[in-house]
Amino acid sequence: MKRLIELVTKYKYLVALLSVFNFLLTPVHVSIIESIAAEIVVINYSLVILASSLIAANIKTRLRSYILGALALVFIWIEFSNPENHLIESLRLASFVVFIFLLLVSESVKRNGGD
């Protein structure tokens, strides 16, 4: 298990990039297996959030990203089971935007030598 954690930590940017690339290929996946289109979208969305959490700059930011990522995942899966609810859709979008913003800000601070 320790080896797996070290490997994922070492290649965290590659894992995040591959998950985003996989997400961009969602239309291809859906065209191949149309019967489970919604499931494919939800799974790919979830992979992006989980992989993106790996690139948080420090422990404090990583904890925040896990919490916001988990919140976004909860809204994604709730929306999947109840697609007609626009409030859940709005909460999903808002939580995902805050999650991505947190990752971008933490990476920017890290690159500029801040805390």
PDB file of N, CA and C in Angstrom:
ATOM      1  N   MET A   1       0.835  -1.201   0.000  1.00  0.00           N
ATOM      2  CA  MET A   1       0.000   0.000   0.000  1.00  0.00           C
ATOM      3  C   MET A   1       0.871   1.252   0.000  1.00  0.00           C
ATOM      4  N   LYS A   2       1.945   1.202   0.804  1.00  0.00           N
ATOM      5  CA  LYS A   2       2.842   2.351   0.881  1.00  0.00           C
ATOM      6  C   LYS A   2       3.470   2.626  -0.484  1.00  0.00           C
ATOM      7  N   ARG A   3       3.809   1.570  -1.193  1.00  0.00           N
ATOM      8  CA  ARG A   3       4.411   1.703  -2.530  1.00  0.00           C
ATOM      9  C   ARG A   3       3.429   2.361  -3.499  1.00  0.00           C
ATOM     10  N   LEU A   4       2.169   1.973  -3.413  1.00  0.00           N
ATOM     11  CA  LEU A   4       1.138   2.560  -4.271  1.00  0.00           C
ATOM     12  C   LEU A   4       0.983   4.052  -3.994  1.00  0.00           C
ATOM     13  N   ILE A   5       0.978   4.429  -2.721  1.00  0.00           N
ATOM     14  CA  ILE A   5       0.855   5.840  -2.351  1.00  0.00           C
ATOM     15  C   ILE A   5       2.049   6.634  -2.876  1.00  0.00           C
ATOM     16  N   GLU A   6       3.243   6.081  -2.741  1.00  0.00           N
ATOM     17  CA  GLU A   6       4.440   6.744  -3.255  1.00  0.00           C
ATOM     18  C   GLU A   6       4.372   6.908  -4.769  1.00  0.00           C
ATOM     19  N   LEU A   7       3.907   5.886  -5.455  1.00  0.00           N
ATOM     20  CA  LEU A   7       3.804   5.924  -6.909  1.00  0.00           C
ATOM     21  C   LEU A   7       2.787   6.969  -7.366  1.00  0.00           C
ATOM     22  N   VAL A   8       1.632   6.981  -6.721  1.00  0.00           N
ATOM     23  CA  VAL A   8       0.596   7.962  -7.080  1.00  0.00           C
ATOM     24  C   VAL A   8       1.076   9.379  -6.771  1.00  0.00           C
ATOM     25  N   THR A   9       1.762   9.560  -5.650  1.00  0.00           N
ATOM     26  CA  THR A   9       2.289  10.875  -5.292  1.00  0.00           C
ATOM     27  C   THR A   9       3.331  11.333  -6.296  1.00  0.00           C
ATOM     28  N   LYS A  10       4.172  10.425  -6.719  1.00  0.00           N
ATOM     29  CA  LYS A  10       5.228  10.764  -7.680  1.00  0.00           C
ATOM     30  C   LYS A  10       4.645  11.196  -9.025  1.00  0.00           C
ATOM     31  N   TYR A  11       3.588  10.519  -9.449  1.00  0.00           N
ATOM     32  CA  TYR A  11       2.992  10.792 -10.760  1.00  0.00           C
ATOM     33  C   TYR A  11       1.634  11.478 -10.656  1.00  0.00           C
ATOM     34  N   LYS A  12       1.447  12.313  -9.645  1.00  0.00           N
ATOM     35  CA  LYS A  12       0.136  12.921  -9.404  1.00  0.00           C
ATOM     36  C   LYS A  12      -0.329  13.801 -10.556  1.00  0.00           C
ATOM     37  N   TYR A  13       0.579  14.521 -11.197  1.00  0.00           N
ATOM     38  CA  TYR A  13       0.170  15.378 -12.319  1.00  0.00           C
ATOM     39  C   TYR A  13      -0.223  14.538 -13.525  1.00  0.00           C
ATOM     40  N   LEU A  14       0.458  13.446 -13.739  1.00  0.00           N
ATOM     41  CA  LEU A  14       0.112  12.551 -14.837  1.00  0.00           C
ATOM     42  C   LEU A  14      -1.251  11.909 -14.592  1.00  0.00           C
ATOM     43  N   VAL A  15      -1.515  11.489 -13.363  1.00  0.00           N
ATOM     44  CA  VAL A  15      -2.812  10.898 -13.014  1.00  0.00           C
ATOM     45  C   VAL A  15      -3.927  11.922 -13.246  1.00  0.00           C
ATOM     46  N   ALA A  16      -3.711  13.162 -12.812  1.00  0.00           N
ATOM     47  CA  ALA A  16      -4.716  14.220 -13.022  1.00  0.00           C
ATOM     48  C   ALA A  16      -4.921  14.495 -14.510  1.00  0.00           C
ATOM     49  N   LEU A  17      -3.831  14.555 -15.259  1.00  0.00           N
ATOM     50  CA  LEU A  17      -3.928  14.796 -16.703  1.00  0.00           C
ATOM     51  C   LEU A  17      -4.680  13.667 -17.404  1.00  0.00           C
ATOM     52  N   LEU A  18      -4.369  12.437 -17.057  1.00  0.00           N
ATOM     53  CA  LEU A  18      -5.055  11.298 -17.674  1.00  0.00           C
ATOM     54  C   LEU A  18      -6.546  11.269 -17.327  1.00  0.00           C
ATOM     55  N   SER A  19      -6.891  11.664 -16.111  1.00  0.00           N
ATOM     56  CA  SER A  19      -8.313  11.684 -15.754  1.00  0.00           C
ATOM     57  C   SER A  19      -9.056  12.775 -16.523  1.00  0.00           C
ATOM     58  N   VAL A  20      -8.420  13.911 -16.719  1.00  0.00           N
ATOM     59  CA  VAL A  20      -9.043  14.983 -17.514  1.00  0.00           C
ATOM     60  C   VAL A  20      -9.164  14.550 -18.977  1.00  0.00           C
ATOM     61  N   PHE A  21      -8.117  13.926 -19.499  1.00  0.00           N
ATOM     62  CA  PHE A  21      -8.157  13.418 -20.874  1.00  0.00           C
ATOM     63  C   PHE A  21      -9.284  12.402 -21.028  1.00  0.00           C
ATOM     64  N   ASN A  22      -9.422  11.502 -20.051  1.00  0.00           N
ATOM     65  CA  ASN A  22     -10.506  10.528 -20.062  1.00  0.00           C
ATOM     66  C   ASN A  22     -11.863  11.232 -20.050  1.00  0.00           C
ATOM     67  N   PHE A  23     -11.971  12.303 -19.258  1.00  0.00           N
ATOM     68  CA  PHE A  23     -13.223  13.056 -19.191  1.00  0.00           C
ATOM     69  C   PHE A  23     -13.540  13.699 -20.543  1.00  0.00           C
ATOM     70  N   LEU A  24     -12.507  14.198 -21.216  1.00  0.00           N
ATOM     71  CA  LEU A  24     -12.722  14.803 -22.531  1.00  0.00           C
ATOM     72  C   LEU A  24     -13.153  13.777 -23.570  1.00  0.00           C
ATOM     73  N   LEU A  25     -12.818  12.523 -23.342  1.00  0.00           N
ATOM     74  CA  LEU A  25     -13.232  11.456 -24.250  1.00  0.00           C
ATOM     75  C   LEU A  25     -14.615  10.893 -23.921  1.00  0.00           C
ATOM     76  N   THR A  26     -15.305  11.498 -22.983  1.00  0.00           N
ATOM     77  CA  THR A  26     -16.631  11.020 -22.589  1.00  0.00           C
ATOM     78  C   THR A  26     -17.581  10.856 -23.782  1.00  0.00           C
ATOM     79  N   PRO A  27     -17.636  11.816 -24.724  1.00  0.00           N
ATOM     80  CA  PRO A  27     -18.535  11.610 -25.878  1.00  0.00           C
ATOM     81  C   PRO A  27     -18.204  10.344 -26.675  1.00  0.00           C
ATOM     82  N   VAL A  28     -16.928  10.005 -26.761  1.00  0.00           N
ATOM     83  CA  VAL A  28     -16.540   8.775 -27.459  1.00  0.00           C
ATOM     84  C   VAL A  28     -17.030   7.557 -26.681  1.00  0.00           C
ATOM     85  N   HIS A  29     -16.811   7.587 -25.359  1.00  0.00           N
ATOM     86  CA  HIS A  29     -17.276   6.475 -24.521  1.00  0.00           C
ATOM     87  C   HIS A  29     -18.783   6.294 -24.650  1.00  0.00           C
ATOM     88  N   VAL A  30     -19.506   7.406 -24.614  1.00  0.00           N
ATOM     89  CA  VAL A  30     -20.973   7.355 -24.684  1.00  0.00           C
ATOM     90  C   VAL A  30     -21.428   6.829 -26.041  1.00  0.00           C
ATOM     91  N   SER A  31     -20.739   7.228 -27.117  1.00  0.00           N
ATOM     92  CA  SER A  31     -21.139   6.745 -28.443  1.00  0.00           C
ATOM     93  C   SER A  31     -20.897   5.250 -28.604  1.00  0.00           C
ATOM     94  N   ILE A  32     -19.917   4.726 -27.885  1.00  0.00           N
ATOM     95  CA  ILE A  32     -19.633   3.292 -27.953  1.00  0.00           C
ATOM     96  C   ILE A  32     -20.651   2.501 -27.134  1.00  0.00           C
ATOM     97  N   ILE A  33     -20.939   2.984 -25.925  1.00  0.00           N
ATOM     98  CA  ILE A  33     -21.870   2.276 -25.029  1.00  0.00           C
ATOM     99  C   ILE A  33     -22.989   3.249 -24.646  1.00  0.00           C
ATOM    100  N   GLU A  34     -23.960   3.415 -25.512  1.00  0.00           N
ATOM    101  CA  GLU A  34     -25.032   4.377 -25.304  1.00  0.00           C
ATOM    102  C   GLU A  34     -25.959   4.008 -24.151  1.00  0.00           C
ATOM    103  N   SER A  35     -26.058   2.731 -23.839  1.00  0.00           N
ATOM    104  CA  SER A  35     -27.032   2.286 -22.837  1.00  0.00           C
ATOM    105  C   SER A  35     -26.707   2.777 -21.425  1.00  0.00           C
ATOM    106  N   ILE A  36     -25.441   3.108 -21.158  1.00  0.00           N
ATOM    107  CA  ILE A  36     -25.075   3.583 -19.821  1.00  0.00           C
ATOM    108  C   ILE A  36     -24.399   4.957 -19.893  1.00  0.00           C
ATOM    109  N   ALA A  37     -24.919   5.820 -20.725  1.00  0.00           N
ATOM    110  CA  ALA A  37     -24.316   7.137 -20.949  1.00  0.00           C
ATOM    111  C   ALA A  37     -24.202   7.959 -19.669  1.00  0.00           C
ATOM    112  N   ALA A  38     -25.268   8.004 -18.885  1.00  0.00           N
ATOM    113  CA  ALA A  38     -25.250   8.809 -17.661  1.00  0.00           C
ATOM    114  C   ALA A  38     -24.232   8.275 -16.667  1.00  0.00           C
ATOM    115  N   GLU A  39     -24.130   6.969 -16.563  1.00  0.00           N
ATOM    116  CA  GLU A  39     -23.166   6.371 -15.649  1.00  0.00           C
ATOM    117  C   GLU A  39     -21.731   6.712 -16.049  1.00  0.00           C
ATOM    118  N   ILE A  40     -21.466   6.690 -17.346  1.00  0.00           N
ATOM    119  CA  ILE A  40     -20.127   7.015 -17.840  1.00  0.00           C
ATOM    120  C   ILE A  40     -19.767   8.448 -17.485  1.00  0.00           C
ATOM    121  N   VAL A  41     -20.690   9.368 -17.678  1.00  0.00           N
ATOM    122  CA  VAL A  41     -20.434  10.772 -17.358  1.00  0.00           C
ATOM    123  C   VAL A  41     -20.155  10.938 -15.868  1.00  0.00           C
ATOM    124  N   VAL A  42     -20.962  10.328 -15.039  1.00  0.00           N
ATOM    125  CA  VAL A  42     -20.797  10.448 -13.582  1.00  0.00           C
ATOM    126  C   VAL A  42     -19.464   9.850 -13.138  1.00  0.00           C
ATOM    127  N   ILE A  43     -19.121   8.707 -13.663  1.00  0.00           N
ATOM    128  CA  ILE A  43     -17.855   8.066 -13.289  1.00  0.00           C
ATOM    129  C   ILE A  43     -16.665   8.907 -13.740  1.00  0.00           C
ATOM    130  N   ASN A  44     -16.697   9.420 -14.961  1.00  0.00           N
ATOM    131  CA  ASN A  44     -15.590  10.248 -15.448  1.00  0.00           C
ATOM    132  C   ASN A  44     -15.470  11.547 -14.657  1.00  0.00           C
ATOM    133  N   TYR A  45     -16.593  12.148 -14.316  1.00  0.00           N
ATOM    134  CA  TYR A  45     -16.603  13.360 -13.493  1.00  0.00           C
ATOM    135  C   TYR A  45     -15.975  13.066 -12.130  1.00  0.00           C
ATOM    136  N   SER A  46     -16.336  11.926 -11.557  1.00  0.00           N
ATOM    137  CA  SER A  46     -15.799  11.525 -10.260  1.00  0.00           C
ATOM    138  C   SER A  46     -14.288  11.305 -10.327  1.00  0.00           C
ATOM    139  N   LEU A  47     -13.815  10.682 -11.392  1.00  0.00           N
ATOM    140  CA  LEU A  47     -12.379  10.451 -11.554  1.00  0.00           C
ATOM    141  C   LEU A  47     -11.594  11.760 -11.624  1.00  0.00           C
ATOM    142  N   VAL A  48     -12.144  12.746 -12.299  1.00  0.00           N
ATOM    143  CA  VAL A  48     -11.471  14.049 -12.389  1.00  0.00           C
ATOM    144  C   VAL A  48     -11.342  14.676 -11.002  1.00  0.00           C
ATOM    145  N   ILE A  49     -12.395  14.628 -10.227  1.00  0.00           N
ATOM    146  CA  ILE A  49     -12.348  15.219  -8.886  1.00  0.00           C
ATOM    147  C   ILE A  49     -11.359  14.477  -7.999  1.00  0.00           C
ATOM    148  N   LEU A  50     -11.394  13.165  -8.017  1.00  0.00           N
ATOM    149  CA  LEU A  50     -10.489  12.398  -7.176  1.00  0.00           C
ATOM    150  C   LEU A  50      -9.031  12.599  -7.579  1.00  0.00           C
ATOM    151  N   ALA A  51      -8.758  12.589  -8.868  1.00  0.00           N
ATOM    152  CA  ALA A  51      -7.381  12.777  -9.332  1.00  0.00           C
ATOM    153  C   ALA A  51      -6.900  14.206  -9.092  1.00  0.00           C
ATOM    154  N   SER A  52      -7.791  15.166  -9.223  1.00  0.00           N
ATOM    155  CA  SER A  52      -7.403  16.560  -9.002  1.00  0.00           C
ATOM    156  C   SER A  52      -7.052  16.834  -7.549  1.00  0.00           C
ATOM    157  N   SER A  53      -7.661  16.101  -6.645  1.00  0.00           N
ATOM    158  CA  SER A  53      -7.350  16.270  -5.225  1.00  0.00           C
ATOM    159  C   SER A  53      -5.894  15.943  -4.924  1.00  0.00           C
ATOM    160  N   LEU A  54      -5.288  15.129  -5.745  1.00  0.00           N
ATOM    161  CA  LEU A  54      -3.888  14.746  -5.538  1.00  0.00           C
ATOM    162  C   LEU A  54      -2.926  15.920  -5.689  1.00  0.00           C
ATOM    163  N   ILE A  55      -3.301  16.921  -6.482  1.00  0.00           N
ATOM    164  CA  ILE A  55      -2.351  17.985  -6.794  1.00  0.00           C
ATOM    165  C   ILE A  55      -2.414  19.174  -5.840  1.00  0.00           C
ATOM    166  N   ALA A  56      -3.150  19.037  -4.762  1.00  0.00           N
ATOM    167  CA  ALA A  56      -3.211  20.116  -3.772  1.00  0.00           C
ATOM    168  C   ALA A  56      -1.805  20.409  -3.250  1.00  0.00           C
ATOM    169  N   ALA A  57      -1.522  21.678  -3.015  1.00  0.00           N
ATOM    170  CA  ALA A  57      -0.165  22.127  -2.708  1.00  0.00           C
ATOM    171  C   ALA A  57       0.355  21.685  -1.344  1.00  0.00           C
ATOM    172  N   ASN A  58      -0.477  21.736  -0.321  1.00  0.00           N
ATOM    173  CA  ASN A  58       0.000  21.378   1.019  1.00  0.00           C
ATOM    174  C   ASN A  58      -1.094  20.602   1.760  1.00  0.00           C
ATOM    175  N   ILE A  59      -0.787  20.183   2.957  1.00  0.00           N
ATOM    176  CA  ILE A  59      -1.709  19.343   3.730  1.00  0.00           C
ATOM    177  C   ILE A  59      -3.033  20.057   3.990  1.00  0.00           C
ATOM    178  N   LYS A  60      -2.960  21.323   4.365  1.00  0.00           N
ATOM    179  CA  LYS A  60      -4.169  22.107   4.664  1.00  0.00           C
ATOM    180  C   LYS A  60      -5.059  22.213   3.422  1.00  0.00           C
ATOM    181  N   THR A  61      -4.451  22.534   2.302  1.00  0.00           N
ATOM    182  CA  THR A  61      -5.202  22.645   1.057  1.00  0.00           C
ATOM    183  C   THR A  61      -5.699  21.286   0.598  1.00  0.00           C
ATOM    184  N   ARG A  62      -4.900  20.250   0.798  1.00  0.00           N
ATOM    185  CA  ARG A  62      -5.315  18.903   0.411  1.00  0.00           C
ATOM    186  C   ARG A  62      -6.549  18.485   1.212  1.00  0.00           C
ATOM    187  N   LEU A  63      -6.574  18.795   2.506  1.00  0.00           N
ATOM    188  CA  LEU A  63      -7.740  18.468   3.326  1.00  0.00           C
ATOM    189  C   LEU A  63      -8.976  19.215   2.818  1.00  0.00           C
ATOM    190  N   ARG A  64      -8.802  20.496   2.516  1.00  0.00           N
ATOM    191  CA  ARG A  64      -9.933  21.264   1.960  1.00  0.00           C
ATOM    192  C   ARG A  64     -10.398  20.674   0.637  1.00  0.00           C
ATOM    193  N   SER A  65      -9.443  20.289  -0.208  1.00  0.00           N
ATOM    194  CA  SER A  65      -9.818  19.737  -1.513  1.00  0.00           C
ATOM    195  C   SER A  65     -10.551  18.411  -1.348  1.00  0.00           C
ATOM    196  N   TYR A  66     -10.150  17.592  -0.372  1.00  0.00           N
ATOM    197  CA  TYR A  66     -10.862  16.341  -0.131  1.00  0.00           C
ATOM    198  C   TYR A  66     -12.293  16.610   0.321  1.00  0.00           C
ATOM    199  N   ILE A  67     -12.460  17.593   1.193  1.00  0.00           N
ATOM    200  CA  ILE A  67     -13.806  17.914   1.689  1.00  0.00           C
ATOM    201  C   ILE A  67     -14.667  18.466   0.558  1.00  0.00           C
ATOM    202  N   LEU A  68     -14.141  19.452  -0.191  1.00  0.00           N
ATOM    203  CA  LEU A  68     -14.911  20.030  -1.299  1.00  0.00           C
ATOM    204  C   LEU A  68     -15.129  19.015  -2.418  1.00  0.00           C
ATOM    205  N   GLY A  69     -14.115  18.190  -2.665  1.00  0.00           N
ATOM    206  CA  GLY A  69     -14.261  17.142  -3.676  1.00  0.00           C
ATOM    207  C   GLY A  69     -15.331  16.138  -3.287  1.00  0.00           C
ATOM    208  N   ALA A  70     -15.341  15.742  -2.021  1.00  0.00           N
ATOM    209  CA  ALA A  70     -16.368  14.813  -1.540  1.00  0.00           C
ATOM    210  C   ALA A  70     -17.754  15.439  -1.648  1.00  0.00           C
ATOM    211  N   LEU A  71     -17.848  16.723  -1.322  1.00  0.00           N
ATOM    212  CA  LEU A  71     -19.125  17.427  -1.442  1.00  0.00           C
ATOM    213  C   LEU A  71     -19.589  17.459  -2.899  1.00  0.00           C
ATOM    214  N   ALA A  72     -18.667  17.779  -3.798  1.00  0.00           N
ATOM    215  CA  ALA A  72     -19.011  17.790  -5.225  1.00  0.00           C
ATOM    216  C   ALA A  72     -19.440  16.400  -5.686  1.00  0.00           C
ATOM    217  N   LEU A  73     -18.738  15.363  -5.223  1.00  0.00           N
ATOM    218  CA  LEU A  73     -19.113  13.995  -5.596  1.00  0.00           C
ATOM    219  C   LEU A  73     -20.508  13.627  -5.087  1.00  0.00           C
ATOM    220  N   VAL A  74     -20.818  14.050  -3.868  1.00  0.00           N
ATOM    221  CA  VAL A  74     -22.149  13.771  -3.325  1.00  0.00           C
ATOM    222  C   VAL A  74     -23.217  14.414  -4.207  1.00  0.00           C
ATOM    223  N   PHE A  75     -22.997  15.676  -4.597  1.00  0.00           N
ATOM    224  CA  PHE A  75     -23.984  16.354  -5.450  1.00  0.00           C
ATOM    225  C   PHE A  75     -24.059  15.716  -6.838  1.00  0.00           C
ATOM    226  N   ILE A  76     -22.938  15.240  -7.358  1.00  0.00           N
ATOM    227  CA  ILE A  76     -22.939  14.565  -8.659  1.00  0.00           C
ATOM    228  C   ILE A  76     -23.785  13.306  -8.594  1.00  0.00           C
ATOM    229  N   TRP A  77     -23.562  12.501  -7.566  1.00  0.00           N
ATOM    230  CA  TRP A  77     -24.291  11.241  -7.454  1.00  0.00           C
ATOM    231  C   TRP A  77     -25.768  11.474  -7.115  1.00  0.00           C
ATOM    232  N   ILE A  78     -26.076  12.513  -6.332  1.00  0.00           N
ATOM    233  CA  ILE A  78     -27.484  12.837  -6.056  1.00  0.00           C
ATOM    234  C   ILE A  78     -28.160  13.312  -7.334  1.00  0.00           C
ATOM    235  N   GLU A  79     -27.461  14.148  -8.099  1.00  0.00           N
ATOM    236  CA  GLU A  79     -28.036  14.623  -9.358  1.00  0.00           C
ATOM    237  C   GLU A  79     -28.256  13.456 -10.324  1.00  0.00           C
ATOM    238  N   PHE A  80     -27.355  12.496 -10.312  1.00  0.00           N
ATOM    239  CA  PHE A  80     -27.498  11.318 -11.169  1.00  0.00           C
ATOM    240  C   PHE A  80     -28.784  10.560 -10.843  1.00  0.00           C
ATOM    241  N   SER A  81     -29.102  10.472  -9.566  1.00  0.00           N
ATOM    242  CA  SER A  81     -30.316   9.751  -9.177  1.00  0.00           C
ATOM    243  C   SER A  81     -31.575  10.613  -9.280  1.00  0.00           C
ATOM    244  N   ASN A  82     -31.420  11.933  -9.385  1.00  0.00           N
ATOM    245  CA  ASN A  82     -32.552  12.847  -9.468  1.00  0.00           C
ATOM    246  C   ASN A  82     -32.224  13.966 -10.467  1.00  0.00           C
ATOM    247  N   PRO A  83     -32.172  13.662 -11.774  1.00  0.00           N
ATOM    248  CA  PRO A  83     -31.681  14.623 -12.771  1.00  0.00           C
ATOM    249  C   PRO A  83     -32.564  15.845 -13.023  1.00  0.00           C
ATOM    250  N   GLU A  84     -33.788  15.821 -12.582  1.00  0.00           N
ATOM    251  CA  GLU A  84     -34.701  16.937 -12.858  1.00  0.00           C
ATOM    252  C   GLU A  84     -34.620  18.058 -11.822  1.00  0.00           C
ATOM    253  N   ASN A  85     -33.878  17.879 -10.764  1.00  0.00           N
ATOM    254  CA  ASN A  85     -33.803  18.864  -9.688  1.00  0.00           C
ATOM    255  C   ASN A  85     -32.726  19.901 -10.013  1.00  0.00           C
ATOM    256  N   HIS A  86     -33.152  21.118 -10.326  1.00  0.00           N
ATOM    257  CA  HIS A  86     -32.215  22.172 -10.730  1.00  0.00           C
ATOM    258  C   HIS A  86     -31.422  22.732  -9.558  1.00  0.00           C
ATOM    259  N   LEU A  87     -31.961  22.637  -8.358  1.00  0.00           N
ATOM    260  CA  LEU A  87     -31.215  23.082  -7.181  1.00  0.00           C
ATOM    261  C   LEU A  87     -29.982  22.199  -6.974  1.00  0.00           C
ATOM    262  N   ILE A  88     -30.137  20.906  -7.106  1.00  0.00           N
ATOM    263  CA  ILE A  88     -29.004  19.994  -6.961  1.00  0.00           C
ATOM    264  C   ILE A  88     -27.982  20.249  -8.069  1.00  0.00           C
ATOM    265  N   GLU A  89     -28.460  20.497  -9.270  1.00  0.00           N
ATOM    266  CA  GLU A  89     -27.553  20.806 -10.380  1.00  0.00           C
ATOM    267  C   GLU A  89     -26.746  22.069 -10.076  1.00  0.00           C
ATOM    268  N   SER A  90     -27.402  23.089  -9.545  1.00  0.00           N
ATOM    269  CA  SER A  90     -26.714  24.335  -9.196  1.00  0.00           C
ATOM    270  C   SER A  90     -25.696  24.118  -8.076  1.00  0.00           C
ATOM    271  N   LEU A  91     -26.072  23.319  -7.080  1.00  0.00           N
ATOM    272  CA  LEU A  91     -25.145  23.019  -5.986  1.00  0.00           C
ATOM    273  C   LEU A  91     -23.947  22.218  -6.484  1.00  0.00           C
ATOM    274  N   ARG A  92     -24.188  21.304  -7.401  1.00  0.00           N
ATOM    275  CA  ARG A  92     -23.093  20.533  -7.988  1.00  0.00           C
ATOM    276  C   ARG A  92     -22.123  21.438  -8.731  1.00  0.00           C
ATOM    277  N   LEU A  93     -22.664  22.310  -9.551  1.00  0.00           N
ATOM    278  CA  LEU A  93     -21.813  23.228 -10.305  1.00  0.00           C
ATOM    279  C   LEU A  93     -21.040  24.166  -9.385  1.00  0.00           C
ATOM    280  N   ALA A  94     -21.711  24.702  -8.382  1.00  0.00           N
ATOM    281  CA  ALA A  94     -21.049  25.621  -7.446  1.00  0.00           C
ATOM    282  C   ALA A  94     -19.944  24.917  -6.666  1.00  0.00           C
ATOM    283  N   SER A  95     -20.219  23.721  -6.172  1.00  0.00           N
ATOM    284  CA  SER A  95     -19.197  23.012  -5.398  1.00  0.00           C
ATOM    285  C   SER A  95     -18.011  22.637  -6.282  1.00  0.00           C
ATOM    286  N   PHE A  96     -18.260  22.283  -7.529  1.00  0.00           N
ATOM    287  CA  PHE A  96     -17.166  21.935  -8.436  1.00  0.00           C
ATOM    288  C   PHE A  96     -16.331  23.167  -8.781  1.00  0.00           C
ATOM    289  N   VAL A  97     -16.979  24.306  -9.004  1.00  0.00           N
ATOM    290  CA  VAL A  97     -16.252  25.537  -9.310  1.00  0.00           C
ATOM    291  C   VAL A  97     -15.380  25.957  -8.122  1.00  0.00           C
ATOM    292  N   VAL A  98     -15.916  25.887  -6.914  1.00  0.00           N
ATOM    293  CA  VAL A  98     -15.139  26.222  -5.717  1.00  0.00           C
ATOM    294  C   VAL A  98     -13.968  25.252  -5.565  1.00  0.00           C
ATOM    295  N   PHE A  99     -14.202  23.986  -5.821  1.00  0.00           N
ATOM    296  CA  PHE A  99     -13.158  22.968  -5.741  1.00  0.00           C
ATOM    297  C   PHE A  99     -12.020  23.282  -6.716  1.00  0.00           C
ATOM    298  N   ILE A 100     -12.341  23.537  -7.968  1.00  0.00           N
ATOM    299  CA  ILE A 100     -11.317  23.843  -8.979  1.00  0.00           C
ATOM    300  C   ILE A 100     -10.616  25.154  -8.648  1.00  0.00           C
ATOM    301  N   PHE A 101     -11.364  26.154  -8.195  1.00  0.00           N
ATOM    302  CA  PHE A 101     -10.766  27.440  -7.815  1.00  0.00           C
ATOM    303  C   PHE A 101      -9.752  27.247  -6.688  1.00  0.00           C
ATOM    304  N   LEU A 102     -10.103  26.443  -5.692  1.00  0.00           N
ATOM    305  CA  LEU A 102      -9.185  26.156  -4.587  1.00  0.00           C
ATOM    306  C   LEU A 102      -7.894  25.525  -5.101  1.00  0.00           C
ATOM    307  N   LEU A 103      -8.010  24.574  -6.016  1.00  0.00           N
ATOM    308  CA  LEU A 103      -6.818  23.926  -6.561  1.00  0.00           C
ATOM    309  C   LEU A 103      -5.965  24.904  -7.362  1.00  0.00           C
ATOM    310  N   LEU A 104      -6.610  25.751  -8.145  1.00  0.00           N
ATOM    311  CA  LEU A 104      -5.859  26.731  -8.943  1.00  0.00           C
ATOM    312  C   LEU A 104      -5.145  27.743  -8.062  1.00  0.00           C
ATOM    313  N   VAL A 105      -5.823  28.238  -7.039  1.00  0.00           N
ATOM    314  CA  VAL A 105      -5.223  29.212  -6.128  1.00  0.00           C
ATOM    315  C   VAL A 105      -4.078  28.581  -5.355  1.00  0.00           C
ATOM    316  N   SER A 106      -4.266  27.360  -4.868  1.00  0.00           N
ATOM    317  CA  SER A 106      -3.198  26.715  -4.091  1.00  0.00           C
ATOM    318  C   SER A 106      -1.978  26.448  -4.964  1.00  0.00           C
ATOM    319  N   GLU A 107      -2.185  26.067  -6.212  1.00  0.00           N
ATOM    320  CA  GLU A 107      -1.055  25.826  -7.116  1.00  0.00           C
ATOM    321  C   GLU A 107      -0.352  27.138  -7.452  1.00  0.00           C
ATOM    322  N   SER A 108      -1.117  28.205  -7.631  1.00  0.00           N
ATOM    323  CA  SER A 108      -0.531  29.516  -7.912  1.00  0.00           C
ATOM    324  C   SER A 108       0.311  30.006  -6.738  1.00  0.00           C
ATOM    325  N   VAL A 109      -0.211  29.843  -5.530  1.00  0.00           N
ATOM    326  CA  VAL A 109       0.520  30.246  -4.331  1.00  0.00           C
ATOM    327  C   VAL A 109       1.793  29.412  -4.197  1.00  0.00           C
ATOM    328  N   LYS A 110       1.689  28.126  -4.468  1.00  0.00           N
ATOM    329  CA  LYS A 110       2.845  27.225  -4.373  1.00  0.00           C
ATOM    330  C   LYS A 110       3.934  27.648  -5.366  1.00  0.00           C
ATOM    331  N   ARG A 111       3.542  27.962  -6.595  1.00  0.00           N
ATOM    332  CA  ARG A 111       4.522  28.353  -7.620  1.00  0.00           C
ATOM    333  C   ARG A 111       5.166  29.700  -7.311  1.00  0.00           C
ATOM    334  N   ASN A 112       4.433  30.590  -6.633  1.00  0.00           N
ATOM    335  CA  ASN A 112       4.974  31.910  -6.316  1.00  0.00           C
ATOM    336  C   ASN A 112       5.735  31.921  -5.009  1.00  0.00           C
ATOM    337  N   GLY A 113       5.895  30.754  -4.388  1.00  0.00           N
ATOM    338  CA  GLY A 113       6.694  30.650  -3.177  1.00  0.00           C
ATOM    339  C   GLY A 113       5.982  31.045  -1.913  1.00  0.00           C
ATOM    340  N   GLY A 114       4.664  31.128  -1.943  1.00  0.00           N
ATOM    341  CA  GLY A 114       3.903  31.488  -0.737  1.00  0.00           C
ATOM    342  C   GLY A 114       3.658  30.275   0.113  1.00  0.00           C
ATOM    343  N   ASP A 115       2.937  30.466   1.202  1.00  0.00           N
ATOM    344  CA  ASP A 115       2.609  29.377   2.128  1.00  0.00           C
ATOM    345  C   ASP A 115       1.555  28.513   1.594  1.00  0.00           C
TER     346      ASP A 115
END
